[in-house]
Amino acid sequence: MGTVTSQQILDSLKQCMDPEIPINVVDMGLIYGVDVSADNKIDIKMTMTTRGCPLHDTLVNDVKRYVNKVPGVNGVNVEIVWEPVWTPEKMSEAGKKLINYDKQKTITPINYETAMPQEVGSVVKQEDGSLVLMNEHEQGFMVNQAIIDFWKLCNGQRKITDLVDAFAQMTGLQRGQVEKEVIQLIQQLRDGGLVMIGESEVSNVQFKR
């Protein structure tokens, strides 16, 4: 078996999605370094968008899984680093386009007390087994199963507070730990044309922004 290349590793990691945002870890700018030893052991240096993210372990395990898909890999070590600090500017141009990075200021704010997200688009399974959410403009976003499961919960009948409860149950985490992640995910799905935001007529929900 020949030597594994860092480009092979990065290509595989482009199938590994951030659990919070439907963008892969490479385009998110989370991968700070890939080192391949002579015996094909892989050292990954990466960061997270926030120190407090409760899904760190999930993402690290996903990174290891996708690295191990590359033929010839003989072990994976992932080191989480916090310097330099991640900022949206570290995203690739492709990643920025996926979240309308340059147009964020023009997007209508979501009313978190009354919003009732409704899924739009469809799920497409690629030949390599990867999953894609396709919006009505035929734009595809590579995602993992967890994001698809959450997207399906957006049925136009659940307020965001209900989606927080459902996501907490899905992940086994406390409600307070996932509120921020759910809000971010809904925003990114909305920006990608994968959910529409309707509103309930009456709101009796107390939801902190």
N, C-alpha and C. Protein backbone atom coordinates (compact mmCIF):
# COMPACT_ATOMS: atom_id res chain seq x y z
N MET A 1 0.85 -1.19 0.00
CA MET A 1 0.00 0.00 0.00
C MET A 1 0.88 1.24 0.00
N GLY A 2 0.58 2.19 -0.87
CA GLY A 2 1.38 3.40 -0.97
C GLY A 2 1.12 4.35 0.18
N THR A 3 1.86 5.43 0.17
CA THR A 3 1.72 6.43 1.22
C THR A 3 0.43 7.21 1.03
N VAL A 4 -0.29 7.38 2.13
CA VAL A 4 -1.50 8.19 2.12
C VAL A 4 -1.09 9.66 2.02
N THR A 5 -1.85 10.46 1.27
CA THR A 5 -1.53 11.87 1.14
C THR A 5 -2.48 12.73 1.98
N SER A 6 -2.02 13.90 2.35
CA SER A 6 -2.87 14.80 3.12
C SER A 6 -4.08 15.23 2.31
N GLN A 7 -3.92 15.30 0.98
CA GLN A 7 -5.07 15.68 0.14
C GLN A 7 -6.15 14.62 0.17
N GLN A 8 -5.76 13.35 0.22
CA GLN A 8 -6.74 12.27 0.35
C GLN A 8 -7.53 12.42 1.65
N ILE A 9 -6.82 12.77 2.71
CA ILE A 9 -7.47 12.96 4.01
C ILE A 9 -8.46 14.12 3.94
N LEU A 10 -8.04 15.24 3.38
CA LEU A 10 -8.92 16.41 3.27
C LEU A 10 -10.13 16.12 2.39
N ASP A 11 -9.91 15.38 1.31
CA ASP A 11 -11.03 15.03 0.43
C ASP A 11 -12.08 14.21 1.18
N SER A 12 -11.61 13.28 2.01
CA SER A 12 -12.54 12.46 2.79
C SER A 12 -13.24 13.30 3.85
N LEU A 13 -12.50 14.22 4.47
CA LEU A 13 -13.08 15.07 5.51
C LEU A 13 -14.12 16.05 4.95
N LYS A 14 -14.12 16.25 3.64
CA LYS A 14 -15.14 17.11 3.05
C LYS A 14 -16.52 16.45 3.08
N GLN A 15 -16.57 15.19 3.51
CA GLN A 15 -17.85 14.51 3.72
C GLN A 15 -18.28 14.57 5.17
N CYS A 16 -17.40 15.10 6.04
CA CYS A 16 -17.67 15.15 7.48
C CYS A 16 -18.29 16.50 7.82
N MET A 17 -19.53 16.48 8.28
CA MET A 17 -20.26 17.72 8.50
C MET A 17 -20.19 18.18 9.95
N ASP A 18 -20.08 19.50 10.12
CA ASP A 18 -20.23 20.08 11.44
C ASP A 18 -21.64 19.74 11.94
N PRO A 19 -21.79 19.22 13.19
CA PRO A 19 -23.12 18.84 13.67
C PRO A 19 -24.08 20.02 13.79
N GLU A 20 -23.55 21.24 13.90
CA GLU A 20 -24.41 22.40 14.10
C GLU A 20 -24.80 23.07 12.80
N ILE A 21 -23.94 23.00 11.80
CA ILE A 21 -24.12 23.77 10.58
C ILE A 21 -23.92 22.83 9.39
N PRO A 22 -24.78 22.88 8.38
CA PRO A 22 -24.65 21.96 7.25
C PRO A 22 -23.50 22.31 6.30
N ILE A 23 -22.30 22.37 6.85
CA ILE A 23 -21.09 22.63 6.07
C ILE A 23 -20.01 21.67 6.57
N ASN A 24 -19.19 21.14 5.67
CA ASN A 24 -18.17 20.19 6.10
C ASN A 24 -17.05 20.90 6.86
N VAL A 25 -16.31 20.11 7.63
CA VAL A 25 -15.31 20.68 8.54
C VAL A 25 -14.15 21.36 7.81
N VAL A 26 -13.91 20.95 6.56
CA VAL A 26 -12.83 21.57 5.78
C VAL A 26 -13.25 22.98 5.36
N ASP A 27 -14.44 23.08 4.75
CA ASP A 27 -14.92 24.39 4.31
C ASP A 27 -15.26 25.30 5.49
N MET A 28 -15.55 24.71 6.65
CA MET A 28 -15.77 25.53 7.85
C MET A 28 -14.46 26.12 8.37
N GLY A 29 -13.33 25.58 7.90
CA GLY A 29 -12.04 26.09 8.36
C GLY A 29 -11.63 25.53 9.71
N LEU A 30 -12.18 24.38 10.08
CA LEU A 30 -11.87 23.78 11.38
C LEU A 30 -10.60 22.94 11.37
N ILE A 31 -10.16 22.51 10.20
CA ILE A 31 -8.96 21.66 10.11
C ILE A 31 -7.73 22.56 9.97
N TYR A 32 -6.89 22.55 11.00
CA TYR A 32 -5.70 23.41 11.00
C TYR A 32 -4.46 22.70 10.48
N GLY A 33 -4.48 21.37 10.47
CA GLY A 33 -3.31 20.67 9.97
C GLY A 33 -3.54 19.19 9.81
N VAL A 34 -2.90 18.60 8.79
CA VAL A 34 -2.94 17.15 8.56
C VAL A 34 -1.51 16.67 8.39
N ASP A 35 -1.09 15.75 9.24
CA ASP A 35 0.28 15.22 9.16
C ASP A 35 0.21 13.71 8.95
N VAL A 36 0.90 13.23 7.93
CA VAL A 36 0.91 11.80 7.60
C VAL A 36 2.32 11.25 7.88
N SER A 37 2.41 10.26 8.76
CA SER A 37 3.71 9.68 9.09
C SER A 37 4.12 8.66 8.02
N ALA A 38 5.35 8.18 8.13
CA ALA A 38 5.87 7.23 7.15
C ALA A 38 5.07 5.93 7.12
N ASP A 39 4.47 5.57 8.27
CA ASP A 39 3.67 4.33 8.31
C ASP A 39 2.17 4.62 8.22
N ASN A 40 1.84 5.78 7.64
CA ASN A 40 0.44 6.15 7.36
C ASN A 40 -0.42 6.34 8.60
N LYS A 41 0.19 6.78 9.69
CA LYS A 41 -0.59 7.21 10.84
C LYS A 41 -0.88 8.70 10.66
N ILE A 42 -2.11 9.08 10.95
CA ILE A 42 -2.57 10.42 10.64
C ILE A 42 -2.75 11.24 11.92
N ASP A 43 -2.15 12.40 11.95
CA ASP A 43 -2.36 13.35 13.04
C ASP A 43 -3.14 14.55 12.50
N ILE A 44 -4.30 14.77 13.09
CA ILE A 44 -5.16 15.88 12.69
C ILE A 44 -5.12 16.94 13.78
N LYS A 45 -4.87 18.17 13.38
CA LYS A 45 -4.96 19.30 14.31
C LYS A 45 -6.17 20.11 13.88
N MET A 46 -7.13 20.26 14.80
CA MET A 46 -8.36 20.97 14.43
C MET A 46 -8.87 21.80 15.60
N THR A 47 -9.82 22.64 15.31
CA THR A 47 -10.43 23.47 16.33
C THR A 47 -11.95 23.32 16.26
N MET A 48 -12.64 24.03 17.13
CA MET A 48 -14.10 24.07 17.14
C MET A 48 -14.54 25.53 17.04
N THR A 49 -15.80 25.72 16.65
CA THR A 49 -16.29 27.09 16.54
C THR A 49 -16.41 27.76 17.90
N THR A 50 -16.75 26.98 18.94
CA THR A 50 -16.85 27.51 20.30
C THR A 50 -16.32 26.49 21.28
N ARG A 51 -15.74 26.96 22.37
CA ARG A 51 -15.23 26.05 23.40
C ARG A 51 -16.35 25.29 24.10
N GLY A 52 -17.52 25.91 24.20
CA GLY A 52 -18.60 25.30 24.96
C GLY A 52 -19.49 24.37 24.18
N CYS A 53 -19.16 24.08 22.94
CA CYS A 53 -20.02 23.23 22.12
C CYS A 53 -20.13 21.83 22.73
N PRO A 54 -21.37 21.37 23.03
CA PRO A 54 -21.54 20.05 23.65
C PRO A 54 -21.35 18.90 22.67
N LEU A 55 -21.16 19.20 21.39
CA LEU A 55 -21.04 18.16 20.38
C LEU A 55 -19.60 17.91 19.96
N HIS A 56 -18.63 18.36 20.79
CA HIS A 56 -17.21 18.17 20.47
C HIS A 56 -16.89 16.70 20.21
N ASP A 57 -17.32 15.83 21.13
CA ASP A 57 -16.98 14.41 21.01
C ASP A 57 -17.57 13.81 19.73
N THR A 58 -18.79 14.22 19.41
CA THR A 58 -19.44 13.72 18.19
C THR A 58 -18.61 14.09 16.97
N LEU A 59 -18.15 15.33 16.91
CA LEU A 59 -17.41 15.79 15.74
C LEU A 59 -16.05 15.11 15.65
N VAL A 60 -15.36 14.95 16.78
CA VAL A 60 -14.06 14.28 16.77
C VAL A 60 -14.22 12.84 16.29
N ASN A 61 -15.25 12.16 16.77
CA ASN A 61 -15.48 10.78 16.33
C ASN A 61 -15.80 10.71 14.84
N ASP A 62 -16.57 11.69 14.34
CA ASP A 62 -16.88 11.72 12.91
C ASP A 62 -15.61 11.95 12.09
N VAL A 63 -14.73 12.85 12.55
CA VAL A 63 -13.47 13.11 11.85
C VAL A 63 -12.65 11.83 11.76
N LYS A 64 -12.52 11.12 12.87
CA LYS A 64 -11.76 9.87 12.88
C LYS A 64 -12.36 8.85 11.91
N ARG A 65 -13.69 8.80 11.89
CA ARG A 65 -14.37 7.82 11.02
C ARG A 65 -14.08 8.10 9.55
N TYR A 66 -14.15 9.37 9.16
CA TYR A 66 -13.92 9.70 7.75
C TYR A 66 -12.45 9.57 7.37
N VAL A 67 -11.53 9.85 8.29
CA VAL A 67 -10.11 9.64 8.00
C VAL A 67 -9.84 8.16 7.78
N ASN A 68 -10.46 7.32 8.61
CA ASN A 68 -10.25 5.88 8.50
C ASN A 68 -10.85 5.28 7.23
N LYS A 69 -11.70 6.03 6.53
CA LYS A 69 -12.25 5.55 5.26
C LYS A 69 -11.21 5.58 4.14
N VAL A 70 -10.14 6.36 4.34
CA VAL A 70 -9.11 6.45 3.30
C VAL A 70 -8.28 5.16 3.32
N PRO A 71 -8.19 4.45 2.19
CA PRO A 71 -7.43 3.20 2.15
C PRO A 71 -5.97 3.40 2.57
N GLY A 72 -5.48 2.51 3.45
CA GLY A 72 -4.10 2.56 3.87
C GLY A 72 -3.85 3.26 5.19
N VAL A 73 -4.85 3.99 5.70
CA VAL A 73 -4.68 4.70 6.98
C VAL A 73 -4.44 3.68 8.10
N ASN A 74 -3.45 3.97 8.93
CA ASN A 74 -3.02 3.02 9.95
C ASN A 74 -3.19 3.57 11.36
N GLY A 75 -4.17 4.44 11.53
CA GLY A 75 -4.41 5.03 12.85
C GLY A 75 -4.63 6.53 12.74
N VAL A 76 -5.45 7.06 13.64
CA VAL A 76 -5.78 8.49 13.61
C VAL A 76 -5.69 9.08 15.01
N ASN A 77 -5.03 10.22 15.09
CA ASN A 77 -5.01 10.98 16.34
C ASN A 77 -5.54 12.39 16.03
N VAL A 78 -6.49 12.85 16.85
CA VAL A 78 -7.06 14.18 16.65
C VAL A 78 -6.71 15.04 17.86
N GLU A 79 -6.06 16.17 17.60
CA GLU A 79 -5.73 17.12 18.65
C GLU A 79 -6.57 18.37 18.48
N ILE A 80 -7.30 18.75 19.53
CA ILE A 80 -8.10 19.97 19.51
C ILE A 80 -7.24 21.12 20.01
N VAL A 81 -7.16 22.18 19.22
CA VAL A 81 -6.39 23.36 19.62
C VAL A 81 -7.31 24.59 19.57
N TRP A 82 -6.93 25.61 20.33
CA TRP A 82 -7.76 26.82 20.41
C TRP A 82 -7.03 28.06 19.90
N GLU A 83 -5.82 27.87 19.44
CA GLU A 83 -5.06 28.97 18.85
C GLU A 83 -4.58 28.55 17.47
N PRO A 84 -4.78 29.38 16.44
CA PRO A 84 -5.53 30.64 16.50
C PRO A 84 -7.02 30.40 16.66
N VAL A 85 -7.69 31.34 17.28
CA VAL A 85 -9.12 31.22 17.53
C VAL A 85 -9.88 31.19 16.20
N TRP A 86 -10.87 30.28 16.10
CA TRP A 86 -11.66 30.21 14.88
C TRP A 86 -12.55 31.44 14.75
N THR A 87 -12.64 31.96 13.55
CA THR A 87 -13.58 33.03 13.21
C THR A 87 -14.20 32.68 11.85
N PRO A 88 -15.35 33.26 11.51
CA PRO A 88 -15.97 32.95 10.20
C PRO A 88 -15.06 33.24 9.01
N GLU A 89 -14.09 34.13 9.20
CA GLU A 89 -13.18 34.44 8.11
C GLU A 89 -12.32 33.25 7.70
N LYS A 90 -12.23 32.26 8.57
CA LYS A 90 -11.42 31.08 8.26
C LYS A 90 -12.14 30.10 7.34
N MET A 91 -13.41 30.35 7.09
CA MET A 91 -14.16 29.49 6.19
C MET A 91 -13.65 29.65 4.77
N SER A 92 -13.80 28.60 3.97
CA SER A 92 -13.45 28.69 2.56
C SER A 92 -14.48 29.55 1.84
N GLU A 93 -14.16 29.98 0.63
CA GLU A 93 -15.12 30.76 -0.14
C GLU A 93 -16.40 29.97 -0.40
N ALA A 94 -16.23 28.66 -0.63
CA ALA A 94 -17.40 27.80 -0.85
C ALA A 94 -18.27 27.75 0.40
N GLY A 95 -17.62 27.64 1.56
CA GLY A 95 -18.36 27.61 2.81
C GLY A 95 -19.12 28.89 3.07
N LYS A 96 -18.48 30.02 2.80
CA LYS A 96 -19.14 31.31 3.00
C LYS A 96 -20.37 31.45 2.10
N LYS A 97 -20.26 30.95 0.88
CA LYS A 97 -21.40 31.04 -0.04
C LYS A 97 -22.58 30.21 0.47
N LEU A 98 -22.28 29.07 1.11
CA LEU A 98 -23.34 28.20 1.58
C LEU A 98 -24.19 28.86 2.65
N ILE A 99 -23.60 29.77 3.43
CA ILE A 99 -24.37 30.43 4.49
C ILE A 99 -24.66 31.88 4.15
N ASN A 100 -24.48 32.25 2.87
CA ASN A 100 -24.71 33.64 2.47
C ASN A 100 -23.95 34.59 3.38
N TYR A 101 -22.68 34.27 3.61
CA TYR A 101 -21.87 35.01 4.58
C TYR A 101 -21.86 36.51 4.32
N ASP A 102 -21.79 36.91 3.08
CA ASP A 102 -21.71 38.34 2.75
C ASP A 102 -23.08 39.02 2.80
N LYS A 103 -24.14 38.23 3.00
CA LYS A 103 -25.49 38.81 2.97
C LYS A 103 -26.21 38.69 4.31
N GLN A 104 -25.47 38.30 5.34
CA GLN A 104 -26.13 38.05 6.62
C GLN A 104 -26.91 39.26 7.13
N LYS A 105 -26.40 40.45 6.91
CA LYS A 105 -27.05 41.63 7.47
C LYS A 105 -28.39 41.93 6.81
N THR A 106 -28.65 41.34 5.66
CA THR A 106 -29.90 41.62 4.97
C THR A 106 -30.98 40.59 5.26
N ILE A 107 -30.64 39.58 6.04
CA ILE A 107 -31.59 38.50 6.30
C ILE A 107 -32.54 38.89 7.44
N THR A 108 -33.82 38.64 7.24
CA THR A 108 -34.82 38.96 8.25
C THR A 108 -34.58 38.14 9.52
N PRO A 109 -34.54 38.80 10.68
CA PRO A 109 -34.33 38.06 11.93
C PRO A 109 -35.47 37.08 12.19
N ILE A 110 -35.15 36.01 12.89
CA ILE A 110 -36.15 35.01 13.26
C ILE A 110 -36.75 35.40 14.61
N ASN A 111 -38.07 35.39 14.70
CA ASN A 111 -38.74 35.59 15.98
C ASN A 111 -38.80 34.24 16.69
N TYR A 112 -37.92 34.05 17.68
CA TYR A 112 -37.75 32.73 18.28
C TYR A 112 -38.95 32.31 19.13
N GLU A 113 -39.82 33.25 19.48
CA GLU A 113 -40.97 32.89 20.31
C GLU A 113 -42.12 32.35 19.48
N THR A 114 -42.20 32.77 18.22
CA THR A 114 -43.35 32.38 17.40
C THR A 114 -42.99 31.58 16.16
N ALA A 115 -41.72 31.54 15.80
CA ALA A 115 -41.31 30.85 14.56
C ALA A 115 -41.63 29.37 14.62
N MET A 116 -42.10 28.84 13.49
CA MET A 116 -42.42 27.42 13.35
C MET A 116 -41.80 26.93 12.03
N PRO A 117 -40.54 26.50 12.06
CA PRO A 117 -39.83 26.12 10.83
C PRO A 117 -40.49 24.95 10.11
N GLN A 118 -40.53 25.07 8.79
CA GLN A 118 -41.10 24.03 7.93
C GLN A 118 -40.04 23.57 6.94
N GLU A 119 -39.75 22.28 6.93
CA GLU A 119 -38.74 21.74 6.01
C GLU A 119 -39.18 21.93 4.57
N VAL A 120 -38.21 22.22 3.71
CA VAL A 120 -38.45 22.26 2.26
C VAL A 120 -37.26 21.58 1.59
N GLY A 121 -37.49 21.10 0.38
CA GLY A 121 -36.42 20.41 -0.33
C GLY A 121 -36.52 18.91 -0.19
N SER A 122 -35.43 18.23 -0.40
CA SER A 122 -35.44 16.77 -0.38
C SER A 122 -34.08 16.22 0.02
N VAL A 123 -34.08 14.95 0.42
CA VAL A 123 -32.85 14.25 0.77
C VAL A 123 -32.39 13.41 -0.41
N VAL A 124 -31.12 13.53 -0.76
CA VAL A 124 -30.55 12.74 -1.85
C VAL A 124 -29.36 11.95 -1.32
N LYS A 125 -29.34 10.66 -1.60
CA LYS A 125 -28.21 9.82 -1.19
C LYS A 125 -27.27 9.65 -2.38
N GLN A 126 -26.03 10.04 -2.21
CA GLN A 126 -25.04 9.95 -3.27
C GLN A 126 -24.56 8.52 -3.46
N GLU A 127 -23.87 8.27 -4.56
CA GLU A 127 -23.36 6.92 -4.85
C GLU A 127 -22.37 6.46 -3.79
N ASP A 128 -21.62 7.42 -3.19
CA ASP A 128 -20.65 7.04 -2.17
C ASP A 128 -21.27 6.89 -0.79
N GLY A 129 -22.59 7.04 -0.72
CA GLY A 129 -23.29 6.88 0.55
C GLY A 129 -23.49 8.16 1.31
N SER A 130 -22.87 9.25 0.86
CA SER A 130 -23.04 10.53 1.55
C SER A 130 -24.44 11.08 1.31
N LEU A 131 -24.89 11.91 2.23
CA LEU A 131 -26.24 12.44 2.19
C LEU A 131 -26.22 13.93 1.84
N VAL A 132 -27.18 14.33 1.03
CA VAL A 132 -27.26 15.72 0.58
C VAL A 132 -28.70 16.20 0.77
N LEU A 133 -28.84 17.40 1.35
CA LEU A 133 -30.13 18.07 1.35
C LEU A 133 -30.17 19.00 0.15
N MET A 134 -31.19 18.85 -0.68
CA MET A 134 -31.30 19.63 -1.91
C MET A 134 -32.45 20.62 -1.76
N ASN A 135 -32.16 21.91 -1.96
CA ASN A 135 -33.24 22.89 -1.86
C ASN A 135 -34.00 22.99 -3.18
N GLU A 136 -34.98 23.88 -3.22
CA GLU A 136 -35.85 23.96 -4.40
C GLU A 136 -35.14 24.57 -5.61
N HIS A 137 -33.95 25.13 -5.39
CA HIS A 137 -33.15 25.69 -6.49
C HIS A 137 -32.08 24.71 -6.96
N GLU A 138 -32.23 23.43 -6.51
CA GLU A 138 -31.29 22.38 -6.89
C GLU A 138 -29.88 22.62 -6.36
N GLN A 139 -29.78 23.38 -5.27
CA GLN A 139 -28.50 23.54 -4.57
C GLN A 139 -28.39 22.45 -3.51
N GLY A 140 -27.27 21.75 -3.50
CA GLY A 140 -27.09 20.65 -2.57
C GLY A 140 -26.18 21.01 -1.41
N PHE A 141 -26.51 20.50 -0.22
CA PHE A 141 -25.72 20.72 0.98
C PHE A 141 -25.42 19.36 1.61
N MET A 142 -24.14 19.00 1.67
CA MET A 142 -23.78 17.72 2.28
C MET A 142 -24.03 17.78 3.78
N VAL A 143 -24.71 16.79 4.30
CA VAL A 143 -25.10 16.77 5.71
C VAL A 143 -24.90 15.37 6.27
N ASN A 144 -25.02 15.27 7.60
CA ASN A 144 -25.00 13.95 8.22
C ASN A 144 -26.41 13.56 8.63
N GLN A 145 -26.56 12.35 9.13
CA GLN A 145 -27.90 11.84 9.47
C GLN A 145 -28.54 12.65 10.58
N ALA A 146 -27.73 13.15 11.52
CA ALA A 146 -28.28 13.91 12.64
C ALA A 146 -28.96 15.19 12.14
N ILE A 147 -28.35 15.85 11.16
CA ILE A 147 -28.95 17.07 10.62
C ILE A 147 -30.24 16.73 9.87
N ILE A 148 -30.23 15.62 9.13
CA ILE A 148 -31.45 15.21 8.42
C ILE A 148 -32.57 14.91 9.41
N ASP A 149 -32.23 14.21 10.50
CA ASP A 149 -33.24 13.90 11.51
C ASP A 149 -33.84 15.18 12.09
N PHE A 150 -32.99 16.17 12.34
CA PHE A 150 -33.47 17.44 12.86
C PHE A 150 -34.33 18.17 11.82
N TRP A 151 -33.86 18.18 10.58
CA TRP A 151 -34.59 18.83 9.48
C TRP A 151 -36.00 18.26 9.37
N LYS A 152 -36.13 16.95 9.52
CA LYS A 152 -37.44 16.31 9.42
C LYS A 152 -38.37 16.70 10.58
N LEU A 153 -37.76 17.09 11.72
CA LEU A 153 -38.58 17.55 12.85
C LEU A 153 -39.23 18.89 12.56
N CYS A 154 -38.66 19.62 11.60
CA CYS A 154 -39.19 20.94 11.24
C CYS A 154 -40.40 20.75 10.32
N ASN A 155 -41.53 20.47 10.92
CA ASN A 155 -42.72 20.12 10.15
C ASN A 155 -43.75 21.25 10.09
N GLY A 156 -43.36 22.45 10.50
CA GLY A 156 -44.27 23.58 10.47
C GLY A 156 -45.25 23.60 11.62
N GLN A 157 -45.14 22.65 12.54
CA GLN A 157 -46.05 22.57 13.68
C GLN A 157 -45.32 22.66 15.02
N ARG A 158 -44.00 22.75 14.96
CA ARG A 158 -43.21 22.84 16.20
C ARG A 158 -42.56 24.22 16.30
N LYS A 159 -42.75 24.85 17.44
CA LYS A 159 -42.02 26.09 17.71
C LYS A 159 -40.56 25.74 17.99
N ILE A 160 -39.72 26.76 17.97
CA ILE A 160 -38.29 26.50 18.19
C ILE A 160 -38.06 25.91 19.57
N THR A 161 -38.83 26.33 20.55
CA THR A 161 -38.66 25.76 21.90
C THR A 161 -38.94 24.25 21.89
N ASP A 162 -39.91 23.83 21.05
CA ASP A 162 -40.19 22.39 20.93
C ASP A 162 -39.05 21.67 20.23
N LEU A 163 -38.45 22.33 19.24
CA LEU A 163 -37.32 21.73 18.52
C LEU A 163 -36.11 21.60 19.43
N VAL A 164 -35.93 22.57 20.34
CA VAL A 164 -34.84 22.47 21.32
C VAL A 164 -35.04 21.23 22.19
N ASP A 165 -36.28 21.02 22.65
CA ASP A 165 -36.58 19.84 23.48
C ASP A 165 -36.29 18.55 22.71
N ALA A 166 -36.71 18.52 21.44
CA ALA A 166 -36.52 17.32 20.63
C ALA A 166 -35.04 17.05 20.36
N PHE A 167 -34.29 18.12 20.09
CA PHE A 167 -32.86 17.96 19.82
C PHE A 167 -32.12 17.51 21.07
N ALA A 168 -32.52 18.04 22.21
CA ALA A 168 -31.91 17.61 23.47
C ALA A 168 -32.15 16.12 23.71
N GLN A 169 -33.35 15.66 23.38
CA GLN A 169 -33.65 14.23 23.52
C GLN A 169 -32.84 13.40 22.55
N MET A 170 -32.67 13.89 21.32
CA MET A 170 -31.90 13.18 20.31
C MET A 170 -30.44 13.00 20.74
N THR A 171 -29.88 14.06 21.33
CA THR A 171 -28.45 14.05 21.67
C THR A 171 -28.16 13.57 23.08
N GLY A 172 -29.21 13.45 23.90
CA GLY A 172 -29.01 13.04 25.29
C GLY A 172 -28.42 14.14 26.15
N LEU A 173 -28.53 15.39 25.69
CA LEU A 173 -27.96 16.52 26.41
C LEU A 173 -29.07 17.32 27.08
N GLN A 174 -28.66 18.19 28.03
CA GLN A 174 -29.61 19.04 28.69
C GLN A 174 -30.11 20.13 27.74
N ARG A 175 -31.34 20.56 27.97
CA ARG A 175 -31.95 21.56 27.09
C ARG A 175 -31.09 22.83 26.99
N GLY A 176 -30.59 23.28 28.12
CA GLY A 176 -29.79 24.49 28.14
C GLY A 176 -28.49 24.38 27.35
N GLN A 177 -28.03 23.14 27.16
CA GLN A 177 -26.78 22.94 26.43
C GLN A 177 -26.95 23.06 24.91
N VAL A 178 -28.17 22.87 24.43
CA VAL A 178 -28.36 22.78 22.98
C VAL A 178 -29.15 23.94 22.37
N GLU A 179 -29.61 24.86 23.19
CA GLU A 179 -30.41 25.97 22.65
C GLU A 179 -29.66 26.73 21.57
N LYS A 180 -28.43 27.10 21.86
CA LYS A 180 -27.64 27.88 20.91
C LYS A 180 -27.41 27.09 19.62
N GLU A 181 -27.12 25.79 19.75
CA GLU A 181 -26.85 24.96 18.59
C GLU A 181 -28.09 24.85 17.69
N VAL A 182 -29.27 24.70 18.32
CA VAL A 182 -30.51 24.60 17.55
C VAL A 182 -30.78 25.90 16.80
N ILE A 183 -30.59 27.03 17.46
CA ILE A 183 -30.82 28.32 16.81
C ILE A 183 -29.89 28.48 15.61
N GLN A 184 -28.61 28.14 15.80
CA GLN A 184 -27.65 28.25 14.70
C GLN A 184 -28.04 27.34 13.54
N LEU A 185 -28.46 26.13 13.86
CA LEU A 185 -28.80 25.16 12.82
C LEU A 185 -30.03 25.64 12.03
N ILE A 186 -31.02 26.15 12.74
CA ILE A 186 -32.21 26.65 12.05
C ILE A 186 -31.84 27.82 11.14
N GLN A 187 -30.98 28.71 11.63
CA GLN A 187 -30.56 29.84 10.81
C GLN A 187 -29.86 29.38 9.54
N GLN A 188 -28.97 28.38 9.68
CA GLN A 188 -28.22 27.91 8.52
C GLN A 188 -29.13 27.17 7.54
N LEU A 189 -30.06 26.38 8.05
CA LEU A 189 -31.01 25.70 7.18
C LEU A 189 -31.89 26.71 6.45
N ARG A 190 -32.31 27.75 7.16
CA ARG A 190 -33.11 28.81 6.53
C ARG A 190 -32.30 29.52 5.44
N ASP A 191 -31.04 29.84 5.76
CA ASP A 191 -30.20 30.54 4.79
C ASP A 191 -29.94 29.68 3.55
N GLY A 192 -29.92 28.36 3.74
CA GLY A 192 -29.69 27.45 2.62
C GLY A 192 -30.95 27.11 1.84
N GLY A 193 -32.08 27.72 2.23
CA GLY A 193 -33.33 27.44 1.54
C GLY A 193 -33.89 26.07 1.86
N LEU A 194 -33.57 25.54 3.06
CA LEU A 194 -33.99 24.20 3.44
C LEU A 194 -35.10 24.20 4.49
N VAL A 195 -35.38 25.34 5.08
CA VAL A 195 -36.58 25.51 5.91
C VAL A 195 -37.18 26.87 5.63
N MET A 196 -38.50 26.93 5.76
CA MET A 196 -39.23 28.19 5.71
C MET A 196 -39.69 28.49 7.12
N ILE A 197 -39.76 29.77 7.45
CA ILE A 197 -40.15 30.16 8.80
C ILE A 197 -41.56 30.73 8.78
N GLY A 198 -42.51 29.95 9.37
CA GLY A 198 -43.85 30.46 9.61
C GLY A 198 -43.95 30.87 11.07
N GLU A 199 -45.07 31.42 11.44
CA GLU A 199 -45.24 31.85 12.83
C GLU A 199 -46.58 31.39 13.36
N SER A 200 -46.60 31.05 14.65
CA SER A 200 -47.85 30.67 15.30
C SER A 200 -48.66 31.92 15.61
N GLU A 201 -49.98 31.75 15.74
CA GLU A 201 -50.83 32.91 15.99
C GLU A 201 -50.71 33.40 17.43
N VAL A 202 -50.54 32.48 18.34
CA VAL A 202 -50.45 32.85 19.75
C VAL A 202 -49.15 32.28 20.32
N SER A 203 -48.45 33.09 21.07
CA SER A 203 -47.20 32.63 21.67
C SER A 203 -47.30 32.70 23.19
N ASN A 204 -47.12 31.56 23.85
CA ASN A 204 -47.04 31.56 25.30
C ASN A 204 -45.71 30.97 25.75
N VAL A 205 -44.72 31.09 24.85
CA VAL A 205 -43.42 30.48 25.10
C VAL A 205 -42.45 31.52 25.65
N GLN A 206 -41.75 31.18 26.67
CA GLN A 206 -40.69 32.03 27.20
C GLN A 206 -39.36 31.48 26.70
N PHE A 207 -38.76 32.16 25.75
CA PHE A 207 -37.53 31.65 25.14
C PHE A 207 -36.50 32.77 25.10
N LYS A 208 -35.40 32.57 25.75
CA LYS A 208 -34.36 33.59 25.81
C LYS A 208 -33.56 33.60 24.52
N ARG A 209 -33.29 34.79 24.01
CA ARG A 209 -32.47 34.91 22.81
C ARG A 209 -31.02 34.70 23.18
